[in-house]
Amino acid sequence: MIVPPAYLEIVRARPSKWTVVPRERYAVCPNCAERVALGTRPERMRCGRCSEMFEFELEHEYSAPHGT
């Protein structure tokens, strides 16, 4: 996918919460980037790879729509 640079925000810090990819139905660990399949999103979840516990990000206005 080609994305215009104006739509990107490049930061040096990792996120502090799980990032949810709704269209693919998975979350990405903020510590080790492990992808985990999701059903219902819990408030907090422990990563199976790095064993760290993190909360989930709030719904973001730019997130992909659910259910497609």
PDB file of N, CA and C in Angstrom:
ATOM      1  N   MET A   1       0.845  -1.161   0.000  1.00  0.00           N
ATOM      2  CA  MET A   1       0.000   0.000   0.000  1.00  0.00           C
ATOM      3  C   MET A   1       0.898   1.234   0.000  1.00  0.00           C
ATOM      4  N   ILE A   2       0.594   2.178  -0.821  1.00  0.00           N
ATOM      5  CA  ILE A   2       1.329   3.436  -0.870  1.00  0.00           C
ATOM      6  C   ILE A   2       0.555   4.465  -0.055  1.00  0.00           C
ATOM      7  N   VAL A   3       1.248   5.100   0.892  1.00  0.00           N
ATOM      8  CA  VAL A   3       0.629   6.094   1.770  1.00  0.00           C
ATOM      9  C   VAL A   3       1.387   7.402   1.613  1.00  0.00           C
ATOM     10  N   PRO A   4       0.686   8.510   1.351  1.00  0.00           N
ATOM     11  CA  PRO A   4       1.361   9.799   1.231  1.00  0.00           C
ATOM     12  C   PRO A   4       2.042  10.179   2.556  1.00  0.00           C
ATOM     13  N   PRO A   5       3.246  10.739   2.501  1.00  0.00           N
ATOM     14  CA  PRO A   5       3.981  11.114   3.715  1.00  0.00           C
ATOM     15  C   PRO A   5       3.193  12.023   4.662  1.00  0.00           C
ATOM     16  N   ALA A   6       2.293  12.829   4.145  1.00  0.00           N
ATOM     17  CA  ALA A   6       1.510  13.735   4.990  1.00  0.00           C
ATOM     18  C   ALA A   6       0.625  12.973   5.979  1.00  0.00           C
ATOM     19  N   TYR A   7       0.320  11.702   5.682  1.00  0.00           N
ATOM     20  CA  TYR A   7      -0.522  10.897   6.554  1.00  0.00           C
ATOM     21  C   TYR A   7       0.273  10.123   7.600  1.00  0.00           C
ATOM     22  N   LEU A   8       1.589  10.222   7.563  1.00  0.00           N
ATOM     23  CA  LEU A   8       2.437   9.473   8.491  1.00  0.00           C
ATOM     24  C   LEU A   8       2.902  10.328   9.653  1.00  0.00           C
ATOM     25  N   GLU A   9       3.036   9.694  10.794  1.00  0.00           N
ATOM     26  CA  GLU A   9       3.637  10.328  11.958  1.00  0.00           C
ATOM     27  C   GLU A   9       4.741   9.381  12.422  1.00  0.00           C
ATOM     28  N   ILE A  10       5.975   9.788  12.283  1.00  0.00           N
ATOM     29  CA  ILE A  10       7.100   8.942  12.651  1.00  0.00           C
ATOM     30  C   ILE A  10       7.607   9.389  14.012  1.00  0.00           C
ATOM     31  N   VAL A  11       7.651   8.452  14.939  1.00  0.00           N
ATOM     32  CA  VAL A  11       8.084   8.740  16.303  1.00  0.00           C
ATOM     33  C   VAL A  11       9.183   7.754  16.693  1.00  0.00           C
ATOM     34  N   ARG A  12       9.991   8.133  17.661  1.00  0.00           N
ATOM     35  CA  ARG A  12      11.083   7.267  18.106  1.00  0.00           C
ATOM     36  C   ARG A  12      10.657   6.323  19.231  1.00  0.00           C
ATOM     37  N   ALA A  13       9.663   6.698  19.988  1.00  0.00           N
ATOM     38  CA  ALA A  13       9.217   5.901  21.133  1.00  0.00           C
ATOM     39  C   ALA A  13       8.193   4.846  20.705  1.00  0.00           C
ATOM     40  N   ARG A  14       8.267   3.672  21.308  1.00  0.00           N
ATOM     41  CA  ARG A  14       7.253   2.638  21.075  1.00  0.00           C
ATOM     42  C   ARG A  14       5.964   3.041  21.795  1.00  0.00           C
ATOM     43  N   PRO A  15       4.822   2.525  21.363  1.00  0.00           N
ATOM     44  CA  PRO A  15       3.581   2.806  22.089  1.00  0.00           C
ATOM     45  C   PRO A  15       3.623   2.170  23.473  1.00  0.00           C
ATOM     46  N   SER A  16       2.772   2.628  24.361  1.00  0.00           N
ATOM     47  CA  SER A  16       2.729   2.085  25.719  1.00  0.00           C
ATOM     48  C   SER A  16       1.569   1.108  25.912  1.00  0.00           C
ATOM     49  N   LYS A  17       0.757   0.941  24.869  1.00  0.00           N
ATOM     50  CA  LYS A  17      -0.414   0.062  24.950  1.00  0.00           C
ATOM     51  C   LYS A  17      -0.474  -0.824  23.711  1.00  0.00           C
ATOM     52  N   TRP A  18      -1.248  -1.920  23.823  1.00  0.00           N
ATOM     53  CA  TRP A  18      -1.465  -2.777  22.660  1.00  0.00           C
ATOM     54  C   TRP A  18      -2.076  -1.956  21.527  1.00  0.00           C
ATOM     55  N   THR A  19      -1.597  -2.166  20.323  1.00  0.00           N
ATOM     56  CA  THR A  19      -2.169  -1.528  19.141  1.00  0.00           C
ATOM     57  C   THR A  19      -3.087  -2.545  18.474  1.00  0.00           C
ATOM     58  N   VAL A  20      -4.323  -2.149  18.214  1.00  0.00           N
ATOM     59  CA  VAL A  20      -5.307  -3.059  17.633  1.00  0.00           C
ATOM     60  C   VAL A  20      -5.435  -2.800  16.133  1.00  0.00           C
ATOM     61  N   VAL A  21      -5.409  -3.893  15.357  1.00  0.00           N
ATOM     62  CA  VAL A  21      -5.616  -3.825  13.911  1.00  0.00           C
ATOM     63  C   VAL A  21      -6.954  -4.501  13.646  1.00  0.00           C
ATOM     64  N   PRO A  22      -8.058  -3.717  13.660  1.00  0.00           N
ATOM     65  CA  PRO A  22      -9.406  -4.290  13.618  1.00  0.00           C
ATOM     66  C   PRO A  22      -9.712  -5.131  12.384  1.00  0.00           C
ATOM     67  N   ARG A  23      -9.301  -4.701  11.218  1.00  0.00           N
ATOM     68  CA  ARG A  23      -9.647  -5.445  10.004  1.00  0.00           C
ATOM     69  C   ARG A  23      -9.011  -6.821   9.985  1.00  0.00           C
ATOM     70  N   GLU A  24      -7.838  -6.940  10.590  1.00  0.00           N
ATOM     71  CA  GLU A  24      -7.136  -8.223  10.622  1.00  0.00           C
ATOM     72  C   GLU A  24      -7.415  -8.995  11.906  1.00  0.00           C
ATOM     73  N   ARG A  25      -8.071  -8.352  12.881  1.00  0.00           N
ATOM     74  CA  ARG A  25      -8.458  -8.958  14.156  1.00  0.00           C
ATOM     75  C   ARG A  25      -7.259  -9.452  14.966  1.00  0.00           C
ATOM     76  N   TYR A  26      -6.256  -8.581  15.086  1.00  0.00           N
ATOM     77  CA  TYR A  26      -5.134  -8.899  15.948  1.00  0.00           C
ATOM     78  C   TYR A  26      -4.637  -7.647  16.643  1.00  0.00           C
ATOM     79  N   ALA A  27      -3.823  -7.868  17.686  1.00  0.00           N
ATOM     80  CA  ALA A  27      -3.206  -6.770  18.427  1.00  0.00           C
ATOM     81  C   ALA A  27      -1.695  -6.953  18.366  1.00  0.00           C
ATOM     82  N   VAL A  28      -0.958  -5.841  18.492  1.00  0.00           N
ATOM     83  CA  VAL A  28       0.502  -5.865  18.445  1.00  0.00           C
ATOM     84  C   VAL A  28       1.038  -5.411  19.798  1.00  0.00           C
ATOM     85  N   CYS A  29       1.904  -6.233  20.392  1.00  0.00           N
ATOM     86  CA  CYS A  29       2.490  -5.924  21.700  1.00  0.00           C
ATOM     87  C   CYS A  29       3.383  -4.688  21.584  1.00  0.00           C
ATOM     88  N   PRO A  30       3.246  -3.734  22.505  1.00  0.00           N
ATOM     89  CA  PRO A  30       4.065  -2.526  22.447  1.00  0.00           C
ATOM     90  C   PRO A  30       5.525  -2.765  22.832  1.00  0.00           C
ATOM     91  N   ASN A  31       5.808  -3.879  23.475  1.00  0.00           N
ATOM     92  CA  ASN A  31       7.175  -4.159  23.906  1.00  0.00           C
ATOM     93  C   ASN A  31       7.979  -4.936  22.864  1.00  0.00           C
ATOM     94  N   CYS A  32       7.417  -6.035  22.349  1.00  0.00           N
ATOM     95  CA  CYS A  32       8.190  -6.911  21.462  1.00  0.00           C
ATOM     96  C   CYS A  32       7.608  -7.040  20.055  1.00  0.00           C
ATOM     97  N   ALA A  33       6.464  -6.390  19.787  1.00  0.00           N
ATOM     98  CA  ALA A  33       5.794  -6.390  18.481  1.00  0.00           C
ATOM     99  C   ALA A  33       5.181  -7.743  18.104  1.00  0.00           C
ATOM    100  N   GLU A  34       4.998  -8.638  19.070  1.00  0.00           N
ATOM    101  CA  GLU A  34       4.315  -9.908  18.827  1.00  0.00           C
ATOM    102  C   GLU A  34       2.873  -9.631  18.405  1.00  0.00           C
ATOM    103  N   ARG A  35       2.392 -10.343  17.400  1.00  0.00           N
ATOM    104  CA  ARG A  35       1.002 -10.218  16.966  1.00  0.00           C
ATOM    105  C   ARG A  35       0.177 -11.307  17.626  1.00  0.00           C
ATOM    106  N   VAL A  36      -0.981 -10.915  18.177  1.00  0.00           N
ATOM    107  CA  VAL A  36      -1.852 -11.843  18.897  1.00  0.00           C
ATOM    108  C   VAL A  36      -3.263 -11.721  18.329  1.00  0.00           C
ATOM    109  N   ALA A  37      -3.845 -12.850  17.929  1.00  0.00           N
ATOM    110  CA  ALA A  37      -5.230 -12.854  17.422  1.00  0.00           C
ATOM    111  C   ALA A  37      -6.173 -12.427  18.530  1.00  0.00           C
ATOM    112  N   LEU A  38      -7.195 -11.662  18.164  1.00  0.00           N
ATOM    113  CA  LEU A  38      -8.162 -11.157  19.141  1.00  0.00           C
ATOM    114  C   LEU A  38      -9.563 -11.612  18.815  1.00  0.00           C
ATOM    115  N   GLY A  39     -10.314 -11.859  19.866  1.00  0.00           N
ATOM    116  CA  GLY A  39     -11.760 -12.018  19.756  1.00  0.00           C
ATOM    117  C   GLY A  39     -12.325 -10.739  20.335  1.00  0.00           C
ATOM    118  N   THR A  40     -12.808 -10.816  21.575  1.00  0.00           N
ATOM    119  CA  THR A  40     -13.247  -9.635  22.311  1.00  0.00           C
ATOM    120  C   THR A  40     -12.033  -9.017  22.982  1.00  0.00           C
ATOM    121  N   ARG A  41     -11.891  -7.733  22.859  1.00  0.00           N
ATOM    122  CA  ARG A  41     -10.720  -7.053  23.406  1.00  0.00           C
ATOM    123  C   ARG A  41     -10.860  -6.872  24.913  1.00  0.00           C
ATOM    124  N   PRO A  42      -9.912  -7.414  25.704  1.00  0.00           N
ATOM    125  CA  PRO A  42      -9.939  -7.189  27.147  1.00  0.00           C
ATOM    126  C   PRO A  42      -9.379  -5.808  27.486  1.00  0.00           C
ATOM    127  N   GLU A  43      -9.472  -5.408  28.768  1.00  0.00           N
ATOM    128  CA  GLU A  43      -8.897  -4.129  29.182  1.00  0.00           C
ATOM    129  C   GLU A  43      -7.372  -4.197  29.204  1.00  0.00           C
ATOM    130  N   ARG A  44      -6.845  -5.338  29.654  1.00  0.00           N
ATOM    131  CA  ARG A  44      -5.399  -5.559  29.738  1.00  0.00           C
ATOM    132  C   ARG A  44      -5.102  -6.970  29.242  1.00  0.00           C
ATOM    133  N   MET A  45      -3.881  -7.161  28.743  1.00  0.00           N
ATOM    134  CA  MET A  45      -3.517  -8.491  28.280  1.00  0.00           C
ATOM    135  C   MET A  45      -2.011  -8.684  28.437  1.00  0.00           C
ATOM    136  N   ARG A  46      -1.620  -9.913  28.815  1.00  0.00           N
ATOM    137  CA  ARG A  46      -0.201 -10.261  28.942  1.00  0.00           C
ATOM    138  C   ARG A  46       0.275 -10.853  27.622  1.00  0.00           C
ATOM    139  N   CYS A  47       1.455 -10.441  27.182  1.00  0.00           N
ATOM    140  CA  CYS A  47       2.044 -10.956  25.945  1.00  0.00           C
ATOM    141  C   CYS A  47       2.629 -12.336  26.203  1.00  0.00           C
ATOM    142  N   GLY A  48       2.359 -13.273  25.312  1.00  0.00           N
ATOM    143  CA  GLY A  48       2.885 -14.617  25.441  1.00  0.00           C
ATOM    144  C   GLY A  48       4.374 -14.706  25.164  1.00  0.00           C
ATOM    145  N   ARG A  49       4.907 -13.771  24.400  1.00  0.00           N
ATOM    146  CA  ARG A  49       6.328 -13.804  24.068  1.00  0.00           C
ATOM    147  C   ARG A  49       7.189 -13.154  25.147  1.00  0.00           C
ATOM    148  N   CYS A  50       6.888 -11.909  25.523  1.00  0.00           N
ATOM    149  CA  CYS A  50       7.750 -11.170  26.466  1.00  0.00           C
ATOM    150  C   CYS A  50       7.206 -11.168  27.898  1.00  0.00           C
ATOM    151  N   SER A  51       5.989 -11.669  28.093  1.00  0.00           N
ATOM    152  CA  SER A  51       5.341 -11.784  29.407  1.00  0.00           C
ATOM    153  C   SER A  51       4.999 -10.449  30.069  1.00  0.00           C
ATOM    154  N   GLU A  52       5.065  -9.355  29.348  1.00  0.00           N
ATOM    155  CA  GLU A  52       4.705  -8.041  29.894  1.00  0.00           C
ATOM    156  C   GLU A  52       3.195  -7.852  29.798  1.00  0.00           C
ATOM    157  N   MET A  53       2.627  -7.078  30.739  1.00  0.00           N
ATOM    158  CA  MET A  53       1.192  -6.795  30.779  1.00  0.00           C
ATOM    159  C   MET A  53       0.965  -5.347  30.333  1.00  0.00           C
ATOM    160  N   PHE A  54       0.045  -5.150  29.385  1.00  0.00           N
ATOM    161  CA  PHE A  54      -0.255  -3.811  28.876  1.00  0.00           C
ATOM    162  C   PHE A  54      -1.748  -3.626  28.708  1.00  0.00           C
ATOM    163  N   GLU A  55      -2.195  -2.365  28.777  1.00  0.00           N
ATOM    164  CA  GLU A  55      -3.578  -2.000  28.460  1.00  0.00           C
ATOM    165  C   GLU A  55      -3.698  -1.875  26.944  1.00  0.00           C
ATOM    166  N   PHE A  56      -4.938  -1.697  26.482  1.00  0.00           N
ATOM    167  CA  PHE A  56      -5.192  -1.504  25.058  1.00  0.00           C
ATOM    168  C   PHE A  56      -5.387  -0.032  24.756  1.00  0.00           C
ATOM    169  N   GLU A  57      -5.005   0.356  23.539  1.00  0.00           N
ATOM    170  CA  GLU A  57      -5.239   1.725  23.101  1.00  0.00           C
ATOM    171  C   GLU A  57      -6.730   1.968  22.979  1.00  0.00           C
ATOM    172  N   LEU A  58      -7.141   3.214  23.153  1.00  0.00           N
ATOM    173  CA  LEU A  58      -8.535   3.585  22.913  1.00  0.00           C
ATOM    174  C   LEU A  58      -8.782   3.546  21.422  1.00  0.00           C
ATOM    175  N   GLU A  59     -10.034   3.442  21.035  1.00  0.00           N
ATOM    176  CA  GLU A  59     -10.360   3.491  19.613  1.00  0.00           C
ATOM    177  C   GLU A  59      -9.790   4.773  19.032  1.00  0.00           C
ATOM    178  N   HIS A  60      -9.082   4.660  17.963  1.00  0.00           N
ATOM    179  CA  HIS A  60      -8.445   5.819  17.336  1.00  0.00           C
ATOM    180  C   HIS A  60      -9.291   6.246  16.145  1.00  0.00           C
ATOM    181  N   GLU A  61      -9.405   7.530  15.949  1.00  0.00           N
ATOM    182  CA  GLU A  61     -10.251   8.023  14.865  1.00  0.00           C
ATOM    183  C   GLU A  61      -9.775   7.599  13.490  1.00  0.00           C
ATOM    184  N   TYR A  62      -8.506   7.204  13.365  1.00  0.00           N
ATOM    185  CA  TYR A  62      -7.981   6.804  12.074  1.00  0.00           C
ATOM    186  C   TYR A  62      -7.911   5.290  11.913  1.00  0.00           C
ATOM    187  N   SER A  63      -8.409   4.515  12.901  1.00  0.00           N
ATOM    188  CA  SER A  63      -8.359   3.057  12.821  1.00  0.00           C
ATOM    189  C   SER A  63      -9.224   2.561  11.671  1.00  0.00           C
ATOM    190  N   ALA A  64      -8.848   1.395  11.147  1.00  0.00           N
ATOM    191  CA  ALA A  64      -9.631   0.781  10.089  1.00  0.00           C
ATOM    192  C   ALA A  64     -10.998   0.396  10.660  1.00  0.00           C
ATOM    193  N   PRO A  65     -12.054   0.443   9.845  1.00  0.00           N
ATOM    194  CA  PRO A  65     -13.395   0.105  10.336  1.00  0.00           C
ATOM    195  C   PRO A  65     -13.496  -1.361  10.734  1.00  0.00           C
ATOM    196  N   HIS A  66     -14.363  -1.656  11.714  1.00  0.00           N
ATOM    197  CA  HIS A  66     -14.596  -3.026  12.167  1.00  0.00           C
ATOM    198  C   HIS A  66     -15.504  -3.762  11.207  1.00  0.00           C
ATOM    199  N   GLY A  67     -15.402  -5.094  11.203  1.00  0.00           N
ATOM    200  CA  GLY A  67     -16.384  -5.928  10.532  1.00  0.00           C
ATOM    201  C   GLY A  67     -16.268  -6.059   9.039  1.00  0.00           C
ATOM    202  N   THR A  68     -15.139  -5.723   8.437  1.00  0.00           N
ATOM    203  CA  THR A  68     -15.015  -5.920   6.995  1.00  0.00           C
ATOM    204  C   THR A  68     -13.957  -6.917   6.665  1.00  0.00           C
TER     205      THR A  68
END
